[in-house]
C-alpha atoms as a PDB file:
ATOM      1  CA  UNK A   1      -0.238  -0.149   0.027  1.00  0.00           C
ATOM      2  CA  UNK A   2       1.150   3.525  -0.910  1.00  0.00           C
ATOM      3  CA  UNK A   3       1.098   6.304   1.874  1.00  0.00           C
ATOM      4  CA  UNK A   4       0.704   9.946   1.474  1.00  0.00           C
ATOM      5  CA  UNK A   5       2.550  11.939   4.391  1.00  0.00           C
ATOM      6  CA  UNK A   6       2.650  15.650   4.843  1.00  0.00           C
ATOM      7  CA  UNK A   7       5.567  17.578   6.496  1.00  0.00           C
ATOM      8  CA  UNK A   8       4.741  20.644   8.674  1.00  0.00           C
ATOM      9  CA  UNK A   9       6.713  23.662   9.056  1.00  0.00           C
ATOM     10  CA  UNK A  10       7.189  25.596  12.513  1.00  0.00           C
ATOM     11  CA  UNK A  11       3.914  27.301  11.839  1.00  0.00           C
ATOM     12  CA  UNK A  12       2.049  23.982  11.617  1.00  0.00           C
ATOM     13  CA  UNK A  13       1.262  24.411   7.851  1.00  0.00           C
ATOM     14  CA  UNK A  14       2.054  21.812   5.497  1.00  0.00           C
ATOM     15  CA  UNK A  15       5.594  22.546   3.790  1.00  0.00           C
ATOM     16  CA  UNK A  16       6.084  19.233   1.765  1.00  0.00           C
ATOM     17  CA  UNK A  17       4.280  15.940   0.737  1.00  0.00           C
ATOM     18  CA  UNK A  18       5.966  12.391   0.685  1.00  0.00           C
ATOM     19  CA  UNK A  19       4.666   9.694  -1.585  1.00  0.00           C
ATOM     20  CA  UNK A  20       5.910   6.230  -0.685  1.00  0.00           C
ATOM     21  CA  UNK A  21       5.314   2.363  -1.133  1.00  0.00           C
ATOM     22  CA  UNK A  22       5.359  -0.288   1.617  1.00  0.00           C
ATOM     23  CA  UNK A  23       8.797  -1.214   0.813  1.00  0.00           C
ATOM     24  CA  UNK A  24      10.157   1.892   0.664  1.00  0.00           C
ATOM     25  CA  UNK A  25      11.608   1.378  -2.896  1.00  0.00           C
ATOM     26  CA  UNK A  26       9.667   4.201  -4.531  1.00  0.00           C
ATOM     27  CA  UNK A  27       9.678   7.714  -3.085  1.00  0.00           C
ATOM     28  CA  UNK A  28       8.897  11.427  -3.776  1.00  0.00           C
ATOM     29  CA  UNK A  29       9.053  14.807  -2.121  1.00  0.00           C
ATOM     30  CA  UNK A  30       7.244  17.635  -3.354  1.00  0.00           C
ATOM     31  CA  UNK A  31       7.868  20.965  -1.712  1.00  0.00           C
ATOM     32  CA  UNK A  32       4.333  23.072  -1.902  1.00  0.00           C
ATOM     33  CA  UNK A  33       6.122  26.490  -1.125  1.00  0.00           C
ATOM     34  CA  UNK A  34       8.734  26.167  -3.891  1.00  0.00           C
ATOM     35  CA  UNK A  35       6.534  26.067  -6.908  1.00  0.00           C
ATOM     36  CA  UNK A  36       5.179  22.141  -6.059  1.00  0.00           C
ATOM     37  CA  UNK A  37       8.855  21.141  -6.996  1.00  0.00           C
ATOM     38  CA  UNK A  38      10.025  17.462  -7.027  1.00  0.00           C
ATOM     39  CA  UNK A  39      12.957  17.596  -4.479  1.00  0.00           C
ATOM     40  CA  UNK A  40      13.315  13.914  -3.978  1.00  0.00           C
ATOM     41  CA  UNK A  41      12.832  10.781  -6.212  1.00  0.00           C
ATOM     42  CA  UNK A  42      13.422   7.008  -5.784  1.00  0.00           C
ATOM     43  CA  UNK A  43      12.326   4.414  -8.290  1.00  0.00           C
ATOM     44  CA  UNK A  44      13.077   0.849  -8.042  1.00  0.00           C
ATOM     45  CA  UNK A  45      15.094   1.472  -4.789  1.00  0.00           C
ATOM     46  CA  UNK A  46      17.380   3.635  -7.017  1.00  0.00           C
ATOM     47  CA  UNK A  47      17.730   7.542  -5.929  1.00  0.00           C
ATOM     48  CA  UNK A  48      17.411   9.504  -9.468  1.00  0.00           C
ATOM     49  CA  UNK A  49      16.796  12.740  -7.633  1.00  0.00           C
ATOM     50  CA  UNK A  50      18.187  14.017  -4.304  1.00  0.00           C
ATOM     51  CA  UNK A  51      18.520  17.353  -2.208  1.00  0.00           C
ATOM     52  CA  UNK A  52      21.068  19.460  -3.789  1.00  0.00           C
ATOM     53  CA  UNK A  53      22.591  20.799  -0.632  1.00  0.00           C
ATOM     54  CA  UNK A  54      24.876  22.718  -0.541  1.00  0.00           C
ATOM     55  CA  UNK A  55      23.408  24.329  -3.656  1.00  0.00           C
ATOM     56  CA  UNK A  56      20.320  26.598  -2.950  1.00  0.00           C
ATOM     57  CA  UNK A  57      16.820  26.300  -5.042  1.00  0.00           C
ATOM     58  CA  UNK A  58      17.007  29.983  -5.537  1.00  0.00           C
ATOM     59  CA  UNK A  59      20.266  29.215  -7.761  1.00  0.00           C
ATOM     60  CA  UNK A  60      19.287  25.912  -8.861  1.00  0.00           C
ATOM     61  CA  UNK A  61      15.576  26.281  -9.658  1.00  0.00           C
ATOM     62  CA  UNK A  62      15.656  22.376  -9.038  1.00  0.00           C
ATOM     63  CA  UNK A  63      12.406  20.457 -10.709  1.00  0.00           C
ATOM     64  CA  UNK A  64      10.839  23.726 -10.827  1.00  0.00           C
ATOM     65  CA  UNK A  65       7.977  24.071 -13.187  1.00  0.00           C
ATOM     66  CA  UNK A  66       8.907  26.752 -15.881  1.00  0.00           C
ATOM     67  CA  UNK A  67       5.976  28.933 -16.891  1.00  0.00           C
ATOM     68  CA  UNK A  68       5.080  31.185 -18.717  1.00  0.00           C
ATOM     69  CA  UNK A  69       8.564  30.693 -20.224  1.00  0.00           C
ATOM     70  CA  UNK A  70      11.025  28.374 -19.993  1.00  0.00           C
ATOM     71  CA  UNK A  71      14.811  29.542 -19.795  1.00  0.00           C
ATOM     72  CA  UNK A  72      15.343  32.995 -20.443  1.00  0.00           C
ATOM     73  CA  UNK A  73      14.009  36.255 -21.968  1.00  0.00           C
ATOM     74  CA  UNK A  74      16.656  38.905 -22.937  1.00  0.00           C
ATOM     75  CA  UNK A  75      16.635  41.924 -21.033  1.00  0.00           C
ATOM     76  CA  UNK A  76      13.148  40.657 -19.581  1.00  0.00           C
ATOM     77  CA  UNK A  77      11.361  42.329 -22.525  1.00  0.00           C
ATOM     78  CA  UNK A  78       9.086  41.143 -25.178  1.00  0.00           C
ATOM     79  CA  UNK A  79       6.403  42.300 -27.651  1.00  0.00           C
ATOM     80  CA  UNK A  80       2.955  40.747 -28.068  1.00  0.00           C
ATOM     81  CA  UNK A  81       0.062  42.125 -29.850  1.00  0.00           C
ATOM     82  CA  UNK A  82       2.093  45.331 -30.771  1.00  0.00           C
ATOM     83  CA  UNK A  83       2.607  46.195 -26.909  1.00  0.00           C
ATOM     84  CA  UNK A  84       5.738  45.695 -24.950  1.00  0.00           C
ATOM     85  CA  UNK A  85       6.093  44.008 -21.544  1.00  0.00           C
ATOM     86  CA  UNK A  86       8.948  43.602 -19.253  1.00  0.00           C
ATOM     87  CA  UNK A  87       9.304  40.692 -16.738  1.00  0.00           C
ATOM     88  CA  UNK A  88      11.289  41.303 -13.727  1.00  0.00           C
ATOM     89  CA  UNK A  89      15.074  40.682 -14.185  1.00  0.00           C
ATOM     90  CA  UNK A  90      16.312  38.027 -11.889  1.00  0.00           C
ATOM     91  CA  UNK A  91      19.178  37.103 -13.603  1.00  0.00           C
ATOM     92  CA  UNK A  92      21.089  40.199 -12.846  1.00  0.00           C
ATOM     93  CA  UNK A  93      24.510  39.142 -14.336  1.00  0.00           C
ATOM     94  CA  UNK A  94      23.205  38.675 -17.562  1.00  0.00           C
ATOM     95  CA  UNK A  95      20.302  41.119 -17.384  1.00  0.00           C
ATOM     96  CA  UNK A  96      17.812  38.493 -18.225  1.00  0.00           C
ATOM     97  CA  UNK A  97      14.483  37.136 -16.831  1.00  0.00           C
ATOM     98  CA  UNK A  98      15.023  33.660 -15.870  1.00  0.00           C
ATOM     99  CA  UNK A  99      12.656  30.564 -15.624  1.00  0.00           C
ATOM    100  CA  UNK A 100       9.243  32.323 -15.484  1.00  0.00           C
ATOM    101  CA  UNK A 101       7.020  33.159 -12.669  1.00  0.00           C
ATOM    102  CA  UNK A 102       5.584  30.145 -10.719  1.00  0.00           C
ATOM    103  CA  UNK A 103       9.051  28.540  -9.420  1.00  0.00           C
ATOM    104  CA  UNK A 104       8.482  30.066  -5.734  1.00  0.00           C
ATOM    105  CA  UNK A 105       4.621  30.009  -5.791  1.00  0.00           C
ATOM    106  CA  UNK A 106       2.771  27.948  -3.147  1.00  0.00           C
ATOM    107  CA  UNK A 107       0.538  25.313  -4.373  1.00  0.00           C
ATOM    108  CA  UNK A 108      -2.529  23.880  -2.689  1.00  0.00           C
ATOM    109  CA  UNK A 109      -3.542  20.377  -2.461  1.00  0.00           C
ATOM    110  CA  UNK A 110      -6.820  19.806  -4.060  1.00  0.00           C
ATOM    111  CA  UNK A 111      -6.805  15.943  -4.219  1.00  0.00           C
ATOM    112  CA  UNK A 112      -4.672  12.991  -2.916  1.00  0.00           C
ATOM    113  CA  UNK A 113      -5.270   9.319  -3.178  1.00  0.00           C
ATOM    114  CA  UNK A 114      -3.179   6.179  -2.203  1.00  0.00           C
ATOM    115  CA  UNK A 115      -3.820   2.640  -3.545  1.00  0.00           C
ATOM    116  CA  UNK A 116      -1.844  -0.531  -3.512  1.00  0.00           C
ATOM    117  CA  UNK A 117      -0.186   0.200  -6.653  1.00  0.00           C
ATOM    118  CA  UNK A 118       0.488   3.781  -6.834  1.00  0.00           C
ATOM    119  CA  UNK A 119       0.017   7.364  -4.925  1.00  0.00           C
ATOM    120  CA  UNK A 120      -1.351  10.409  -6.620  1.00  0.00           C
ATOM    121  CA  UNK A 121      -1.249  14.051  -5.809  1.00  0.00           C
ATOM    122  CA  UNK A 122      -2.764  16.948  -7.418  1.00  0.00           C
ATOM    123  CA  UNK A 123      -1.835  20.371  -6.575  1.00  0.00           C
ATOM    124  CA  UNK A 124      -2.988  23.773  -7.848  1.00  0.00           C
ATOM    125  CA  UNK A 125      -1.991  27.466  -8.093  1.00  0.00           C
ATOM    126  CA  UNK A 126      -4.359  30.192  -9.177  1.00  0.00           C
ATOM    127  CA  UNK A 127      -2.798  33.698 -10.343  1.00  0.00           C
ATOM    128  CA  UNK A 128      -5.506  36.076 -10.063  1.00  0.00           C
ATOM    129  CA  UNK A 129      -3.309  39.038 -10.009  1.00  0.00           C
ATOM    130  CA  UNK A 130      -2.058  40.710 -13.409  1.00  0.00           C
ATOM    131  CA  UNK A 131       1.579  41.389 -13.116  1.00  0.00           C
ATOM    132  CA  UNK A 132       3.444  44.126 -15.005  1.00  0.00           C
ATOM    133  CA  UNK A 133       5.536  41.605 -17.256  1.00  0.00           C
ATOM    134  CA  UNK A 134       2.621  39.038 -17.878  1.00  0.00           C
ATOM    135  CA  UNK A 135      -0.988  40.837 -17.349  1.00  0.00           C
ATOM    136  CA  UNK A 136      -2.984  37.708 -17.099  1.00  0.00           C
ATOM    137  CA  UNK A 137      -4.506  35.411 -15.078  1.00  0.00           C
ATOM    138  CA  UNK A 138      -4.300  31.649 -15.082  1.00  0.00           C
ATOM    139  CA  UNK A 139      -4.499  28.440 -13.324  1.00  0.00           C
ATOM    140  CA  UNK A 140      -1.576  25.708 -12.978  1.00  0.00           C
ATOM    141  CA  UNK A 141      -2.676  22.080 -12.071  1.00  0.00           C
ATOM    142  CA  UNK A 142       0.096  19.339 -11.414  1.00  0.00           C
ATOM    143  CA  UNK A 143      -0.600  15.779 -10.641  1.00  0.00           C
ATOM    144  CA  UNK A 144       2.106  13.666  -9.679  1.00  0.00           C
ATOM    145  CA  UNK A 145       1.645   9.977 -10.122  1.00  0.00           C
ATOM    146  CA  UNK A 146       4.083   7.586  -8.220  1.00  0.00           C
ATOM    147  CA  UNK A 147       4.348   3.778  -9.197  1.00  0.00           C
ATOM    148  CA  UNK A 148       7.027   1.433  -8.445  1.00  0.00           C
ATOM    149  CA  UNK A 149       9.259   2.327 -11.445  1.00  0.00           C
ATOM    150  CA  UNK A 150       7.650   5.397 -12.929  1.00  0.00           C
ATOM    151  CA  UNK A 151       6.651   9.016 -12.197  1.00  0.00           C
ATOM    152  CA  UNK A 152       3.934  11.109 -13.910  1.00  0.00           C
ATOM    153  CA  UNK A 153       3.881  14.706 -14.151  1.00  0.00           C
ATOM    154  CA  UNK A 154       0.567  15.900 -15.749  1.00  0.00           C
ATOM    155  CA  UNK A 155       0.434  19.377 -16.197  1.00  0.00           C
ATOM    156  CA  UNK A 156      -2.863  21.535 -17.094  1.00  0.00           C
ATOM    157  CA  UNK A 157      -2.432  25.325 -18.018  1.00  0.00           C
ATOM    158  CA  UNK A 158      -5.791  27.150 -18.007  1.00  0.00           C
ATOM    159  CA  UNK A 159      -6.281  30.733 -19.185  1.00  0.00           C
ATOM    160  CA  UNK A 160      -8.515  32.298 -16.818  1.00  0.00           C
ATOM    161  CA  UNK A 161      -8.261  35.809 -18.260  1.00  0.00           C
ATOM    162  CA  UNK A 162     -10.238  37.639 -20.922  1.00  0.00           C
ATOM    163  CA  UNK A 163      -7.252  38.133 -23.115  1.00  0.00           C
ATOM    164  CA  UNK A 164      -4.823  35.354 -25.050  1.00  0.00           C
ATOM    165  CA  UNK A 165      -1.330  35.287 -23.915  1.00  0.00           C
ATOM    166  CA  UNK A 166       2.072  33.588 -25.157  1.00  0.00           C
ATOM    167  CA  UNK A 167       3.659  31.007 -23.493  1.00  0.00           C
ATOM    168  CA  UNK A 168       5.983  28.009 -23.320  1.00  0.00           C
ATOM    169  CA  UNK A 169       6.507  25.316 -20.466  1.00  0.00           C
ATOM    170  CA  UNK A 170       9.665  23.672 -19.285  1.00  0.00           C
ATOM    171  CA  UNK A 171      10.569  21.488 -16.100  1.00  0.00           C
ATOM    172  CA  UNK A 172      13.983  21.773 -14.568  1.00  0.00           C
ATOM    173  CA  UNK A 173      14.864  17.991 -12.651  1.00  0.00           C
ATOM    174  CA  UNK A 174      18.504  17.390 -11.813  1.00  0.00           C
ATOM    175  CA  UNK A 175      19.583  13.869 -11.990  1.00  0.00           C
ATOM    176  CA  UNK A 176      22.515  12.161  -9.921  1.00  0.00           C
ATOM    177  CA  UNK A 177      24.661   9.561 -10.934  1.00  0.00           C
ATOM    178  CA  UNK A 178      27.313   7.640  -8.994  1.00  0.00           C
ATOM    179  CA  UNK A 179      29.904   8.525 -11.984  1.00  0.00           C
ATOM    180  CA  UNK A 180      28.650  11.244 -14.286  1.00  0.00           C
ATOM    181  CA  UNK A 181      31.778  11.162 -16.291  1.00  0.00           C
ATOM    182  CA  UNK A 182      30.731   7.511 -17.420  1.00  0.00           C
ATOM    183  CA  UNK A 183      27.315   8.333 -17.852  1.00  0.00           C
ATOM    184  CA  UNK A 184      25.383   9.212 -21.175  1.00  0.00           C
ATOM    185  CA  UNK A 185      22.209  10.500 -22.825  1.00  0.00           C
ATOM    186  CA  UNK A 186      20.290   9.222 -25.750  1.00  0.00           C
ATOM    187  CA  UNK A 187      18.442  11.539 -27.757  1.00  0.00           C
ATOM    188  CA  UNK A 188      17.467  11.959 -31.560  1.00  0.00           C
ATOM    189  CA  UNK A 189      18.791  15.625 -32.728  1.00  0.00           C
ATOM    190  CA  UNK A 190      20.441  17.127 -35.664  1.00  0.00           C
ATOM    191  CA  UNK A 191      20.083  20.696 -34.473  1.00  0.00           C
ATOM    192  CA  UNK A 192      21.551  22.513 -31.737  1.00  0.00           C
ATOM    193  CA  UNK A 193      20.880  26.258 -30.602  1.00  0.00           C
ATOM    194  CA  UNK A 194      23.498  28.863 -30.863  1.00  0.00           C
ATOM    195  CA  UNK A 195      23.637  30.731 -27.612  1.00  0.00           C
ATOM    196  CA  UNK A 196      25.429  33.955 -26.835  1.00  0.00           C
ATOM    197  CA  UNK A 197      27.630  34.785 -23.725  1.00  0.00           C
ATOM    198  CA  UNK A 198      24.005  35.566 -21.932  1.00  0.00           C
ATOM    199  CA  UNK A 199      22.861  32.254 -22.885  1.00  0.00           C
ATOM    200  CA  UNK A 200      20.271  33.888 -25.303  1.00  0.00           C
ATOM    201  CA  UNK A 201      19.230  32.069 -28.534  1.00  0.00           C
ATOM    202  CA  UNK A 202      20.937  33.610 -31.726  1.00  0.00           C
ATOM    203  CA  UNK A 203      20.516  30.715 -34.260  1.00  0.00           C
ATOM    204  CA  UNK A 204      20.707  27.209 -34.927  1.00  0.00           C
ATOM    205  CA  UNK A 205      23.371  24.739 -36.136  1.00  0.00           C
ATOM    206  CA  UNK A 206      23.335  21.283 -37.690  1.00  0.00           C
ATOM    207  CA  UNK A 207      25.091  18.488 -35.537  1.00  0.00           C
ATOM    208  CA  UNK A 208      25.726  15.037 -36.285  1.00  0.00           C
ATOM    209  CA  UNK A 209      23.080  12.942 -34.913  1.00  0.00           C
ATOM    210  CA  UNK A 210      25.068  10.411 -32.831  1.00  0.00           C
ATOM    211  CA  UNK A 211      23.077   7.750 -30.916  1.00  0.00           C
ATOM    212  CA  UNK A 212      25.198   8.265 -27.820  1.00  0.00           C
ATOM    213  CA  UNK A 213      26.126  11.732 -25.994  1.00  0.00           C
ATOM    214  CA  UNK A 214      28.778  11.084 -23.788  1.00  0.00           C
ATOM    215  CA  UNK A 215      28.882  13.390 -20.738  1.00  0.00           C
ATOM    216  CA  UNK A 216      32.550  12.759 -19.389  1.00  0.00           C
ATOM    217  CA  UNK A 217      33.743  16.106 -17.886  1.00  0.00           C
ATOM    218  CA  UNK A 218      32.046  18.424 -20.496  1.00  0.00           C
ATOM    219  CA  UNK A 219      30.389  21.929 -18.773  1.00  0.00           C
ATOM    220  CA  UNK A 220      26.982  21.810 -20.289  1.00  0.00           C
ATOM    221  CA  UNK A 221      24.469  24.388 -20.726  1.00  0.00           C
ATOM    222  CA  UNK A 222      23.022  23.583 -24.031  1.00  0.00           C
ATOM    223  CA  UNK A 223      19.918  23.122 -26.031  1.00  0.00           C
ATOM    224  CA  UNK A 224      18.915  20.526 -28.710  1.00  0.00           C
ATOM    225  CA  UNK A 225      15.978  20.771 -30.897  1.00  0.00           C
ATOM    226  CA  UNK A 226      14.613  17.003 -30.645  1.00  0.00           C
ATOM    227  CA  UNK A 227      13.345  14.852 -33.489  1.00  0.00           C
ATOM    228  CA  UNK A 228      11.369  12.488 -30.780  1.00  0.00           C
ATOM    229  CA  UNK A 229       9.743  13.096 -27.404  1.00  0.00           C
ATOM    230  CA  UNK A 230      12.223  10.780 -25.522  1.00  0.00           C
ATOM    231  CA  UNK A 231      15.742  11.253 -23.696  1.00  0.00           C
ATOM    232  CA  UNK A 232      17.368   8.420 -22.186  1.00  0.00           C
ATOM    233  CA  UNK A 233      19.734   8.929 -19.272  1.00  0.00           C
ATOM    234  CA  UNK A 234      22.290   6.069 -18.664  1.00  0.00           C
ATOM    235  CA  UNK A 235      24.526   5.929 -15.507  1.00  0.00           C
ATOM    236  CA  UNK A 236      26.625   3.009 -14.227  1.00  0.00           C
ATOM    237  CA  UNK A 237      23.805   2.251 -11.706  1.00  0.00           C
ATOM    238  CA  UNK A 238      20.715   3.013 -13.396  1.00  0.00           C
ATOM    239  CA  UNK A 239      18.788   3.849 -16.826  1.00  0.00           C
ATOM    240  CA  UNK A 240      15.818   6.509 -17.025  1.00  0.00           C
ATOM    241  CA  UNK A 241      13.551   7.070 -20.071  1.00  0.00           C
ATOM    242  CA  UNK A 242      12.113  10.577 -20.066  1.00  0.00           C
ATOM    243  CA  UNK A 243       9.169  11.168 -22.361  1.00  0.00           C
ATOM    244  CA  UNK A 244       6.971  14.110 -23.098  1.00  0.00           C
ATOM    245  CA  UNK A 245       3.918  14.567 -24.891  1.00  0.00           C
ATOM    246  CA  UNK A 246       4.708  17.979 -26.260  1.00  0.00           C
ATOM    247  CA  UNK A 247       4.542  18.361 -30.111  1.00  0.00           C
ATOM    248  CA  UNK A 248       7.580  20.670 -30.229  1.00  0.00           C
ATOM    249  CA  UNK A 249      10.208  19.139 -27.811  1.00  0.00           C
ATOM    250  CA  UNK A 250      13.564  20.748 -26.685  1.00  0.00           C
ATOM    251  CA  UNK A 251      16.155  19.514 -24.573  1.00  0.00           C
ATOM    252  CA  UNK A 252      18.203  21.802 -22.294  1.00  0.00           C
ATOM    253  CA  UNK A 253      21.141  20.094 -20.631  1.00  0.00           C
ATOM    254  CA  UNK A 254      22.879  21.760 -17.491  1.00  0.00           C
ATOM    255  CA  UNK A 255      25.871  20.935 -15.476  1.00  0.00           C
ATOM    256  CA  UNK A 256      25.610  22.718 -12.018  1.00  0.00           C
ATOM    257  CA  UNK A 257      28.542  23.048  -9.787  1.00  0.00           C
ATOM    258  CA  UNK A 258      27.775  20.113  -7.949  1.00  0.00           C
ATOM    259  CA  UNK A 259      29.683  16.669  -8.521  1.00  0.00           C
ATOM    260  CA  UNK A 260      27.932  13.860 -10.304  1.00  0.00           C
ATOM    261  CA  UNK A 261      24.620  16.086 -10.863  1.00  0.00           C
ATOM    262  CA  UNK A 262      23.096  16.951 -14.301  1.00  0.00           C
ATOM    263  CA  UNK A 263      19.637  19.031 -15.038  1.00  0.00           C
ATOM    264  CA  UNK A 264      17.902  17.086 -17.924  1.00  0.00           C
ATOM    265  CA  UNK A 265      15.363  19.735 -18.872  1.00  0.00           C
ATOM    266  CA  UNK A 266      12.443  18.801 -21.263  1.00  0.00           C
ATOM    267  CA  UNK A 267      10.919  22.186 -22.613  1.00  0.00           C
ATOM    268  CA  UNK A 268       8.371  23.107 -25.391  1.00  0.00           C
ATOM    269  CA  UNK A 269      10.420  26.421 -26.112  1.00  0.00           C
ATOM    270  CA  UNK A 270      13.804  27.678 -26.060  1.00  0.00           C
ATOM    271  CA  UNK A 271      15.734  30.734 -24.616  1.00  0.00           C
ATOM    272  CA  UNK A 272      14.188  34.001 -25.447  1.00  0.00           C
ATOM    273  CA  UNK A 273      11.088  32.238 -26.994  1.00  0.00           C
ATOM    274  CA  UNK A 274       9.006  35.269 -26.558  1.00  0.00           C
ATOM    275  CA  UNK A 275      11.012  37.077 -28.990  1.00  0.00           C
ATOM    276  CA  UNK A 276      12.330  34.405 -31.647  1.00  0.00           C
ATOM    277  CA  UNK A 277       9.181  32.485 -31.390  1.00  0.00           C
ATOM    278  CA  UNK A 278      10.518  29.145 -31.367  1.00  0.00           C
ATOM    279  CA  UNK A 279       7.842  26.893 -29.610  1.00  0.00           C
ATOM    280  CA  UNK A 280       5.848  29.818 -28.555  1.00  0.00           C
ATOM    281  CA  UNK A 281       2.395  28.976 -28.297  1.00  0.00           C
ATOM    282  CA  UNK A 282      -0.793  31.174 -27.602  1.00  0.00           C
ATOM    283  CA  UNK A 283      -3.411  30.041 -25.164  1.00  0.00           C
ATOM    284  CA  UNK A 284      -6.953  31.655 -25.639  1.00  0.00           C
ATOM    285  CA  UNK A 285      -9.353  32.642 -22.898  1.00  0.00           C
ATOM    286  CA  UNK A 286     -10.908  29.325 -20.951  1.00  0.00           C
ATOM    287  CA  UNK A 287      -8.578  27.361 -23.104  1.00  0.00           C
ATOM    288  CA  UNK A 288      -6.552  24.635 -21.179  1.00  0.00           C
ATOM    289  CA  UNK A 289      -3.271  23.310 -22.416  1.00  0.00           C
ATOM    290  CA  UNK A 290      -2.198  19.728 -21.094  1.00  0.00           C
ATOM    291  CA  UNK A 291       1.235  17.998 -21.060  1.00  0.00           C
ATOM    292  CA  UNK A 292       2.607  14.889 -19.554  1.00  0.00           C
ATOM    293  CA  UNK A 293       6.266  14.129 -18.463  1.00  0.00           C
ATOM    294  CA  UNK A 294       6.973  10.587 -17.683  1.00  0.00           C
ATOM    295  CA  UNK A 295      10.004   9.096 -15.904  1.00  0.00           C
ATOM    296  CA  UNK A 296      10.512   5.431 -16.303  1.00  0.00           C
ATOM    297  CA  UNK A 297      13.189   3.274 -14.785  1.00  0.00           C
ATOM    298  CA  UNK A 298      14.597   0.831 -17.356  1.00  0.00           C
END
């Protein structure tokens, strides 16, 4: 039987939710006040995602949901329907807006269910205030479903405003390996983004579509245009398949200043998407966009 347990803070408010199976080989920890981000994950008794201490969440954005944009917006500025808007610049060194607006929001529990075979948790954040950079209201619903060897994250974005708005969506999980140098990725791509010194997209380049991307000692902050919706991560200890239902799929790979750790980020758009339009979508009033990300232990 799976269990769902709340963790309370000093004010007795629920701060985190733990999902776990009976033999403790499958486990997920989700922090409600950090954008409902998945901070720990174990599948098939293999640790895939762990606390990134000493790195701070405000710098890593670990497992955050990236909305209304993934990655960066140059100078925080964009134009939509002939009107210019400015997101807050939260990457001051590069003068960019970074990773959207919901990574630090507090989500509420709307449904939870534990059975013999799985645990599911549904969380929601309702944005009712129009911000300067994104003057629209919306609702984000996240459904985490944990099984013995899989985790599903179902995302639903609803436009609750009277105006259409632009968006891209991403997820920022970090995976751990016992030896990242000897780990690799499999993905189908023959195009890589060209990024400037501020990590802003300036174009694309054709690359050799190799079957294996060896990580070795590469310092990565790279983005690839995917020809398929799957990415496989191979470590000496485990292999996982990361699947997305997005029609347009991009892969951002980032190695943080922490040993044997790598961010494998599925996104529906790219750096500066609100300006270059790569992967940019429009959500009309009352419309809902659905996306599933699945992590499967192989």
